């Protein structure tokens, strides 16, 4: 049997970039339709579908390129790499959106989280702190969800080579 070596790094970069671009397009569509501050179960379902689909597809593609074999550790490595690359792109998009394209949306988000406080004046540092905490929460949440999706997808797609061949 012919052994092929697949560059995990190139695969992760490619699929992580694809998922990151999907997030940017989705975020831009939400911005154009004024749904950035909207909490809706349908939007959450769309986001979860994009997320799970892209990670599992990346793991499946890696398995296909690896002669149909996949170990659970490889699935976790590929899935987590895709998540980290796409989350970095997603955080960059959030910074561009909230700092350049629509800085007023950041004020709306802060107001939603302050429970309608009477003080509506914000220092520059307060906005940066809020944006940092949102980005950190997004990073932690995506990594945890990415680990779960990668482990489940890897467990379903797992196929080890036969040691007797």
N, C-alpha and C. Protein backbone atom coordinates (compact mmCIF):
# COMPACT_ATOMS: atom_id res chain seq x y z
N UNK A 1 0.84 -1.17 0.00
CA UNK A 1 0.00 0.00 0.00
C UNK A 1 0.89 1.24 0.00
N UNK A 2 0.53 2.19 -0.83
CA UNK A 2 1.30 3.42 -0.97
C UNK A 2 0.97 4.37 0.17
N UNK A 3 1.99 4.85 0.83
CA UNK A 3 1.79 5.79 1.94
C UNK A 3 1.93 7.21 1.40
N UNK A 4 1.01 8.03 1.77
CA UNK A 4 1.07 9.44 1.41
C UNK A 4 1.09 10.27 2.68
N UNK A 5 1.85 11.33 2.63
CA UNK A 5 1.91 12.23 3.77
C UNK A 5 1.17 13.50 3.40
N UNK A 6 0.21 13.83 4.22
CA UNK A 6 -0.60 15.03 3.98
C UNK A 6 -0.13 16.11 4.93
N UNK A 7 0.06 17.30 4.39
CA UNK A 7 0.47 18.42 5.22
C UNK A 7 -0.74 18.91 6.02
N UNK A 8 -0.73 18.62 7.30
CA UNK A 8 -1.82 19.05 8.16
C UNK A 8 -1.89 20.56 8.21
N UNK A 9 -0.74 21.20 8.19
CA UNK A 9 -0.68 22.65 8.29
C UNK A 9 -1.40 23.32 7.11
N UNK A 10 -1.10 22.86 5.89
CA UNK A 10 -1.75 23.44 4.71
C UNK A 10 -3.25 23.17 4.73
N UNK A 11 -3.62 21.97 5.13
CA UNK A 11 -5.03 21.60 5.19
C UNK A 11 -5.79 22.46 6.20
N UNK A 12 -5.21 22.62 7.37
CA UNK A 12 -5.83 23.43 8.43
C UNK A 12 -5.93 24.89 7.99
N UNK A 13 -4.86 25.42 7.42
CA UNK A 13 -4.90 26.82 6.96
C UNK A 13 -5.97 27.02 5.90
N UNK A 14 -6.06 26.10 4.96
CA UNK A 14 -7.05 26.23 3.88
C UNK A 14 -8.47 26.21 4.43
N UNK A 15 -8.79 25.19 5.22
CA UNK A 15 -10.16 25.08 5.72
C UNK A 15 -10.47 26.10 6.82
N UNK A 16 -9.49 26.49 7.60
CA UNK A 16 -9.69 27.55 8.58
C UNK A 16 -9.97 28.88 7.91
N UNK A 17 -9.24 29.14 6.81
CA UNK A 17 -9.48 30.37 6.06
C UNK A 17 -10.86 30.35 5.41
N UNK A 18 -11.27 29.19 4.89
CA UNK A 18 -12.60 29.08 4.28
C UNK A 18 -13.68 29.36 5.32
N UNK A 19 -13.57 28.74 6.51
CA UNK A 19 -14.56 28.99 7.57
C UNK A 19 -14.52 30.44 8.03
N UNK A 20 -13.33 31.02 8.12
CA UNK A 20 -13.22 32.44 8.51
C UNK A 20 -13.90 33.36 7.51
N UNK A 21 -13.71 33.09 6.23
CA UNK A 21 -14.36 33.90 5.19
C UNK A 21 -15.88 33.71 5.25
N UNK A 22 -16.32 32.48 5.53
CA UNK A 22 -17.76 32.25 5.67
C UNK A 22 -18.32 33.08 6.82
N UNK A 23 -17.57 33.18 7.94
CA UNK A 23 -18.02 33.99 9.07
C UNK A 23 -18.07 35.47 8.70
N UNK A 24 -17.09 35.93 7.94
CA UNK A 24 -17.06 37.34 7.54
C UNK A 24 -18.25 37.65 6.63
N UNK A 25 -18.52 36.78 5.66
CA UNK A 25 -19.66 36.98 4.76
C UNK A 25 -20.96 36.97 5.57
N UNK A 26 -21.09 36.01 6.48
CA UNK A 26 -22.29 35.93 7.31
C UNK A 26 -22.42 37.18 8.18
N UNK A 27 -21.32 37.63 8.78
CA UNK A 27 -21.35 38.84 9.59
C UNK A 27 -21.68 40.08 8.78
N UNK A 28 -21.18 40.13 7.55
CA UNK A 28 -21.47 41.28 6.68
C UNK A 28 -22.95 41.28 6.30
N UNK A 29 -23.51 40.10 6.04
CA UNK A 29 -24.94 40.03 5.72
C UNK A 29 -25.77 40.45 6.94
N UNK A 30 -25.37 40.02 8.14
CA UNK A 30 -26.09 40.45 9.34
C UNK A 30 -25.96 41.96 9.54
N UNK A 31 -24.80 42.53 9.19
CA UNK A 31 -24.62 43.97 9.31
C UNK A 31 -25.52 44.71 8.32
N UNK A 32 -25.58 44.22 7.08
CA UNK A 32 -26.40 44.88 6.07
C UNK A 32 -27.89 44.80 6.39
N UNK A 33 -28.31 43.73 7.05
CA UNK A 33 -29.72 43.57 7.39
C UNK A 33 -30.05 44.08 8.80
N UNK A 34 -29.10 44.76 9.43
CA UNK A 34 -29.27 45.31 10.78
C UNK A 34 -29.67 44.25 11.81
N UNK A 35 -29.02 43.10 11.76
CA UNK A 35 -29.28 42.02 12.71
C UNK A 35 -28.09 41.72 13.60
N UNK A 36 -27.20 42.69 13.78
CA UNK A 36 -26.02 42.44 14.62
C UNK A 36 -26.42 42.29 16.08
N UNK A 37 -27.33 43.10 16.56
CA UNK A 37 -27.72 43.05 17.97
C UNK A 37 -28.96 42.18 18.20
N UNK A 38 -29.45 41.51 17.15
CA UNK A 38 -30.64 40.68 17.27
C UNK A 38 -30.28 39.30 17.80
N UNK A 39 -30.99 38.85 18.82
CA UNK A 39 -30.86 37.48 19.31
C UNK A 39 -32.05 36.69 18.83
N UNK A 40 -31.80 35.72 17.97
CA UNK A 40 -32.86 34.95 17.36
C UNK A 40 -32.40 33.50 17.29
N UNK A 41 -33.26 32.57 17.59
CA UNK A 41 -32.87 31.16 17.56
C UNK A 41 -32.54 30.70 16.15
N UNK A 42 -33.18 31.26 15.14
CA UNK A 42 -32.90 30.86 13.76
C UNK A 42 -31.48 31.28 13.36
N UNK A 43 -31.07 32.48 13.78
CA UNK A 43 -29.71 32.92 13.48
C UNK A 43 -28.69 32.06 14.21
N UNK A 44 -28.99 31.68 15.44
CA UNK A 44 -28.09 30.80 16.19
C UNK A 44 -27.99 29.43 15.53
N UNK A 45 -29.09 28.94 15.00
CA UNK A 45 -29.09 27.66 14.31
C UNK A 45 -28.27 27.72 13.02
N UNK A 46 -28.36 28.83 12.30
CA UNK A 46 -27.55 29.02 11.09
C UNK A 46 -26.07 29.05 11.45
N UNK A 47 -25.72 29.78 12.50
CA UNK A 47 -24.32 29.87 12.93
C UNK A 47 -23.77 28.51 13.34
N UNK A 48 -24.56 27.76 14.09
CA UNK A 48 -24.13 26.44 14.53
C UNK A 48 -23.98 25.49 13.35
N UNK A 49 -24.87 25.58 12.37
CA UNK A 49 -24.78 24.74 11.18
C UNK A 49 -23.54 25.05 10.36
N UNK A 50 -23.24 26.32 10.19
CA UNK A 50 -22.02 26.71 9.47
C UNK A 50 -20.80 26.17 10.20
N UNK A 51 -20.78 26.33 11.48
CA UNK A 51 -19.64 25.94 12.31
C UNK A 51 -19.40 24.43 12.26
N UNK A 52 -20.44 23.66 12.56
CA UNK A 52 -20.31 22.20 12.58
C UNK A 52 -20.02 21.67 11.18
N UNK A 53 -20.73 22.18 10.19
CA UNK A 53 -20.53 21.70 8.83
C UNK A 53 -19.12 21.93 8.31
N UNK A 54 -18.58 23.09 8.57
CA UNK A 54 -17.23 23.40 8.06
C UNK A 54 -16.17 22.57 8.77
N UNK A 55 -16.30 22.37 10.07
CA UNK A 55 -15.30 21.59 10.80
C UNK A 55 -15.36 20.13 10.40
N UNK A 56 -16.55 19.56 10.35
CA UNK A 56 -16.68 18.15 9.97
C UNK A 56 -16.26 17.94 8.52
N UNK A 57 -16.57 18.89 7.65
CA UNK A 57 -16.13 18.77 6.26
C UNK A 57 -14.61 18.82 6.16
N UNK A 58 -13.98 19.68 6.94
CA UNK A 58 -12.52 19.74 6.95
C UNK A 58 -11.90 18.44 7.43
N UNK A 59 -12.49 17.84 8.46
CA UNK A 59 -11.99 16.55 8.97
C UNK A 59 -12.23 15.45 7.93
N UNK A 60 -13.40 15.46 7.30
CA UNK A 60 -13.71 14.46 6.28
C UNK A 60 -12.77 14.57 5.08
N UNK A 61 -12.47 15.79 4.66
CA UNK A 61 -11.55 15.99 3.55
C UNK A 61 -10.16 15.50 3.91
N UNK A 62 -9.74 15.74 5.14
CA UNK A 62 -8.44 15.24 5.59
C UNK A 62 -8.41 13.72 5.55
N UNK A 63 -9.49 13.10 5.98
CA UNK A 63 -9.58 11.64 5.95
C UNK A 63 -9.52 11.13 4.51
N UNK A 64 -10.20 11.79 3.61
CA UNK A 64 -10.19 11.38 2.20
C UNK A 64 -8.80 11.47 1.60
N UNK A 65 -8.09 12.51 1.92
CA UNK A 65 -6.73 12.69 1.40
C UNK A 65 -5.73 11.73 2.05
N UNK A 66 -6.10 11.17 3.19
CA UNK A 66 -5.22 10.27 3.93
C UNK A 66 -5.58 8.80 3.65
N UNK A 67 -5.97 8.50 2.43
CA UNK A 67 -6.35 7.14 2.00
C UNK A 67 -7.50 6.56 2.81
N UNK A 68 -8.37 7.39 3.32
CA UNK A 68 -9.54 6.93 4.05
C UNK A 68 -9.29 6.60 5.51
N UNK A 69 -8.11 6.92 6.02
CA UNK A 69 -7.78 6.62 7.41
C UNK A 69 -7.77 7.91 8.23
N UNK A 70 -8.22 7.79 9.46
CA UNK A 70 -8.26 8.94 10.36
C UNK A 70 -8.20 8.45 11.79
N UNK A 71 -7.29 9.00 12.55
CA UNK A 71 -7.21 8.72 13.99
C UNK A 71 -7.90 9.86 14.73
N UNK A 72 -8.35 9.58 15.92
CA UNK A 72 -9.07 10.59 16.70
C UNK A 72 -8.18 11.79 17.00
N UNK A 73 -6.91 11.55 17.27
CA UNK A 73 -5.98 12.65 17.53
C UNK A 73 -5.80 13.55 16.32
N UNK A 74 -5.78 12.93 15.13
CA UNK A 74 -5.66 13.73 13.91
C UNK A 74 -6.91 14.59 13.71
N UNK A 75 -8.07 14.00 13.98
CA UNK A 75 -9.33 14.76 13.84
C UNK A 75 -9.35 15.94 14.79
N UNK A 76 -8.90 15.72 16.02
CA UNK A 76 -8.87 16.80 17.00
C UNK A 76 -7.89 17.89 16.57
N UNK A 77 -6.75 17.49 16.07
CA UNK A 77 -5.73 18.44 15.62
C UNK A 77 -6.24 19.28 14.45
N UNK A 78 -6.84 18.62 13.47
CA UNK A 78 -7.36 19.32 12.29
C UNK A 78 -8.52 20.23 12.69
N UNK A 79 -9.46 19.71 13.46
CA UNK A 79 -10.63 20.50 13.85
C UNK A 79 -10.27 21.71 14.70
N UNK A 80 -9.38 21.51 15.66
CA UNK A 80 -8.98 22.62 16.52
C UNK A 80 -8.18 23.66 15.74
N UNK A 81 -7.36 23.21 14.80
CA UNK A 81 -6.62 24.15 13.97
C UNK A 81 -7.54 25.00 13.12
N UNK A 82 -8.55 24.36 12.53
CA UNK A 82 -9.55 25.09 11.73
C UNK A 82 -10.25 26.12 12.59
N UNK A 83 -10.61 25.74 13.81
CA UNK A 83 -11.30 26.65 14.72
C UNK A 83 -10.43 27.85 15.07
N UNK A 84 -9.17 27.62 15.38
CA UNK A 84 -8.29 28.73 15.77
C UNK A 84 -8.07 29.71 14.62
N UNK A 85 -7.85 29.21 13.41
CA UNK A 85 -7.66 30.10 12.25
C UNK A 85 -8.93 30.90 11.98
N UNK A 86 -10.08 30.22 11.97
CA UNK A 86 -11.33 30.92 11.66
C UNK A 86 -11.72 31.90 12.77
N UNK A 87 -11.43 31.58 14.01
CA UNK A 87 -11.74 32.49 15.11
C UNK A 87 -10.86 33.74 15.03
N UNK A 88 -9.61 33.58 14.65
CA UNK A 88 -8.75 34.75 14.44
C UNK A 88 -9.30 35.67 13.38
N UNK A 89 -9.76 35.10 12.28
CA UNK A 89 -10.35 35.91 11.20
C UNK A 89 -11.64 36.55 11.68
N UNK A 90 -12.43 35.80 12.44
CA UNK A 90 -13.69 36.33 12.96
C UNK A 90 -13.46 37.50 13.93
N UNK A 91 -12.46 37.40 14.76
CA UNK A 91 -12.14 38.49 15.70
C UNK A 91 -11.65 39.72 14.94
N UNK A 92 -10.83 39.50 13.90
CA UNK A 92 -10.40 40.63 13.06
C UNK A 92 -11.60 41.31 12.41
N UNK A 93 -12.56 40.53 11.94
CA UNK A 93 -13.78 41.09 11.35
C UNK A 93 -14.53 41.92 12.38
N UNK A 94 -14.66 41.41 13.60
CA UNK A 94 -15.36 42.15 14.65
C UNK A 94 -14.68 43.48 14.95
N UNK A 95 -13.35 43.47 14.98
CA UNK A 95 -12.62 44.71 15.24
C UNK A 95 -12.86 45.72 14.12
N UNK A 96 -12.80 45.25 12.88
CA UNK A 96 -13.05 46.14 11.73
C UNK A 96 -14.48 46.66 11.77
N UNK A 97 -15.44 45.78 12.07
CA UNK A 97 -16.84 46.19 12.10
C UNK A 97 -17.09 47.21 13.20
N UNK A 98 -16.62 46.92 14.42
CA UNK A 98 -16.94 47.78 15.55
C UNK A 98 -16.09 49.03 15.65
N UNK A 99 -14.93 49.04 15.03
CA UNK A 99 -14.06 50.22 15.09
C UNK A 99 -14.17 51.11 13.86
N UNK A 100 -14.43 50.52 12.68
CA UNK A 100 -14.38 51.30 11.45
C UNK A 100 -15.76 51.41 10.79
N UNK A 101 -16.40 50.26 10.51
CA UNK A 101 -17.64 50.28 9.74
C UNK A 101 -18.84 50.81 10.52
N UNK A 102 -19.00 50.34 11.75
CA UNK A 102 -20.18 50.72 12.52
C UNK A 102 -19.86 50.83 14.01
N UNK A 103 -19.18 51.92 14.41
CA UNK A 103 -18.84 52.06 15.83
C UNK A 103 -20.06 52.26 16.72
N UNK A 104 -21.18 52.69 16.17
CA UNK A 104 -22.38 52.89 16.98
C UNK A 104 -22.98 51.56 17.45
N UNK A 105 -22.70 50.48 16.75
CA UNK A 105 -23.20 49.17 17.16
C UNK A 105 -22.54 48.74 18.48
N UNK A 106 -21.30 49.12 18.66
CA UNK A 106 -20.61 48.80 19.91
C UNK A 106 -21.31 49.48 21.09
N UNK A 107 -21.76 50.72 20.90
CA UNK A 107 -22.53 51.40 21.95
C UNK A 107 -23.84 50.67 22.25
N UNK A 108 -24.50 50.19 21.19
CA UNK A 108 -25.75 49.44 21.39
C UNK A 108 -25.50 48.16 22.18
N UNK A 109 -24.42 47.47 21.86
CA UNK A 109 -24.10 46.23 22.58
C UNK A 109 -23.77 46.51 24.04
N UNK A 110 -23.05 47.60 24.29
CA UNK A 110 -22.72 47.96 25.67
C UNK A 110 -24.00 48.30 26.42
N UNK A 111 -24.92 49.02 25.77
CA UNK A 111 -26.19 49.36 26.41
C UNK A 111 -27.02 48.12 26.72
N UNK A 112 -27.00 47.14 25.83
CA UNK A 112 -27.72 45.90 26.08
C UNK A 112 -27.16 45.18 27.30
N UNK A 113 -25.86 45.23 27.48
CA UNK A 113 -25.23 44.53 28.59
C UNK A 113 -25.27 45.32 29.89
N UNK A 114 -25.53 46.62 29.83
CA UNK A 114 -25.58 47.44 31.05
C UNK A 114 -26.98 47.47 31.65
N UNK A 115 -27.93 46.81 31.02
CA UNK A 115 -29.32 46.80 31.49
C UNK A 115 -29.89 48.22 31.56
N UNK A 116 -29.67 48.98 30.50
CA UNK A 116 -30.26 50.32 30.36
C UNK A 116 -29.91 51.27 31.49
N UNK A 117 -28.65 51.39 31.78
CA UNK A 117 -28.19 52.31 32.81
C UNK A 117 -28.36 53.74 32.32
N UNK A 118 -28.48 54.67 33.24
CA UNK A 118 -28.69 56.07 32.88
C UNK A 118 -27.42 56.71 32.31
N UNK A 119 -26.25 56.20 32.69
CA UNK A 119 -24.99 56.77 32.22
C UNK A 119 -24.69 56.25 30.82
N UNK A 120 -24.79 57.13 29.82
CA UNK A 120 -24.58 56.70 28.44
C UNK A 120 -23.28 57.26 27.86
N UNK A 121 -22.43 57.81 28.68
CA UNK A 121 -21.13 58.29 28.19
C UNK A 121 -20.09 57.24 28.48
N UNK A 122 -19.28 56.94 27.49
CA UNK A 122 -18.27 55.89 27.62
C UNK A 122 -16.91 56.45 27.28
N UNK A 123 -15.96 56.03 28.05
CA UNK A 123 -14.58 56.39 27.72
C UNK A 123 -14.10 55.47 26.61
N UNK A 124 -13.04 55.87 25.93
CA UNK A 124 -12.46 55.08 24.87
C UNK A 124 -12.00 53.73 25.41
N UNK A 125 -11.43 53.71 26.59
CA UNK A 125 -10.95 52.48 27.19
C UNK A 125 -12.08 51.51 27.51
N UNK A 126 -13.22 52.02 27.85
CA UNK A 126 -14.36 51.15 28.18
C UNK A 126 -14.81 50.38 26.94
N UNK A 127 -14.82 51.01 25.80
CA UNK A 127 -15.19 50.32 24.56
C UNK A 127 -14.16 49.26 24.21
N UNK A 128 -12.90 49.58 24.41
CA UNK A 128 -11.84 48.61 24.12
C UNK A 128 -11.93 47.43 25.09
N UNK A 129 -12.23 47.69 26.35
CA UNK A 129 -12.39 46.61 27.32
C UNK A 129 -13.55 45.69 26.94
N UNK A 130 -14.64 46.30 26.51
CA UNK A 130 -15.80 45.51 26.11
C UNK A 130 -15.48 44.68 24.87
N UNK A 131 -14.81 45.28 23.89
CA UNK A 131 -14.45 44.55 22.68
C UNK A 131 -13.47 43.43 22.99
N UNK A 132 -12.54 43.68 23.91
CA UNK A 132 -11.59 42.63 24.32
C UNK A 132 -12.32 41.48 24.99
N UNK A 133 -13.26 41.80 25.89
CA UNK A 133 -13.97 40.73 26.58
C UNK A 133 -14.86 39.93 25.63
N UNK A 134 -15.46 40.59 24.65
CA UNK A 134 -16.26 39.88 23.64
C UNK A 134 -15.35 38.97 22.81
N UNK A 135 -14.20 39.47 22.42
CA UNK A 135 -13.26 38.67 21.62
C UNK A 135 -12.73 37.48 22.42
N UNK A 136 -12.40 37.70 23.68
CA UNK A 136 -11.91 36.60 24.52
C UNK A 136 -12.99 35.55 24.74
N UNK A 137 -14.21 36.01 24.97
CA UNK A 137 -15.33 35.07 25.13
C UNK A 137 -15.58 34.28 23.87
N UNK A 138 -15.46 34.95 22.71
CA UNK A 138 -15.64 34.27 21.43
C UNK A 138 -14.55 33.22 21.23
N UNK A 139 -13.32 33.56 21.58
CA UNK A 139 -12.20 32.62 21.43
C UNK A 139 -12.40 31.39 22.32
N UNK A 140 -12.72 31.61 23.58
CA UNK A 140 -12.91 30.49 24.50
C UNK A 140 -14.11 29.63 24.10
N UNK A 141 -15.21 30.29 23.76
CA UNK A 141 -16.40 29.55 23.35
C UNK A 141 -16.17 28.73 22.09
N UNK A 142 -15.51 29.32 21.10
CA UNK A 142 -15.25 28.60 19.86
C UNK A 142 -14.30 27.44 20.07
N UNK A 143 -13.30 27.61 20.92
CA UNK A 143 -12.35 26.52 21.18
C UNK A 143 -13.06 25.36 21.88
N UNK A 144 -13.87 25.65 22.89
CA UNK A 144 -14.59 24.59 23.59
C UNK A 144 -15.55 23.87 22.64
N UNK A 145 -16.33 24.63 21.88
CA UNK A 145 -17.25 24.02 20.93
C UNK A 145 -16.49 23.27 19.83
N UNK A 146 -15.36 23.82 19.42
CA UNK A 146 -14.54 23.16 18.40
C UNK A 146 -13.98 21.84 18.87
N UNK A 147 -13.57 21.77 20.13
CA UNK A 147 -13.08 20.50 20.69
C UNK A 147 -14.20 19.46 20.70
N UNK A 148 -15.39 19.86 21.11
CA UNK A 148 -16.53 18.94 21.15
C UNK A 148 -16.88 18.45 19.75
N UNK A 149 -16.99 19.37 18.80
CA UNK A 149 -17.34 19.00 17.42
C UNK A 149 -16.26 18.13 16.80
N UNK A 150 -15.00 18.47 17.04
CA UNK A 150 -13.89 17.69 16.48
C UNK A 150 -13.86 16.28 17.06
N UNK A 151 -14.08 16.15 18.35
CA UNK A 151 -14.09 14.82 18.96
C UNK A 151 -15.26 13.98 18.47
N UNK A 152 -16.44 14.58 18.39
CA UNK A 152 -17.59 13.83 17.90
C UNK A 152 -17.44 13.47 16.42
N UNK A 153 -17.03 14.45 15.62
CA UNK A 153 -16.82 14.17 14.19
C UNK A 153 -15.71 13.17 13.97
N UNK A 154 -14.63 13.27 14.74
CA UNK A 154 -13.53 12.33 14.62
C UNK A 154 -13.92 10.94 15.05
N UNK A 155 -14.75 10.84 16.10
CA UNK A 155 -15.20 9.53 16.57
C UNK A 155 -16.09 8.86 15.52
N UNK A 156 -16.90 9.64 14.84
CA UNK A 156 -17.76 9.08 13.81
C UNK A 156 -16.96 8.70 12.56
N UNK A 157 -16.02 9.53 12.17
CA UNK A 157 -15.25 9.31 10.94
C UNK A 157 -13.99 8.48 11.14
N UNK A 158 -13.69 8.12 12.36
CA UNK A 158 -12.44 7.43 12.68
C UNK A 158 -12.34 6.09 11.96
N UNK A 159 -11.16 5.86 11.36
CA UNK A 159 -10.84 4.56 10.76
C UNK A 159 -9.33 4.40 10.81
N UNK A 160 -8.88 3.46 11.61
CA UNK A 160 -7.45 3.20 11.74
C UNK A 160 -7.01 2.20 10.69
N UNK A 161 -5.76 2.32 10.21
CA UNK A 161 -5.27 1.33 9.25
C UNK A 161 -5.13 -0.04 9.90
N UNK A 162 -5.29 -1.08 9.09
CA UNK A 162 -5.15 -2.45 9.59
C UNK A 162 -3.69 -2.73 9.90
N UNK A 163 -3.35 -3.10 11.14
CA UNK A 163 -1.95 -3.30 11.49
C UNK A 163 -1.34 -4.56 10.86
N UNK A 164 -2.18 -5.43 10.32
CA UNK A 164 -1.67 -6.68 9.76
C UNK A 164 -1.40 -6.61 8.27
N UNK A 165 -1.62 -5.45 7.64
CA UNK A 165 -1.35 -5.32 6.21
C UNK A 165 0.04 -4.83 5.96
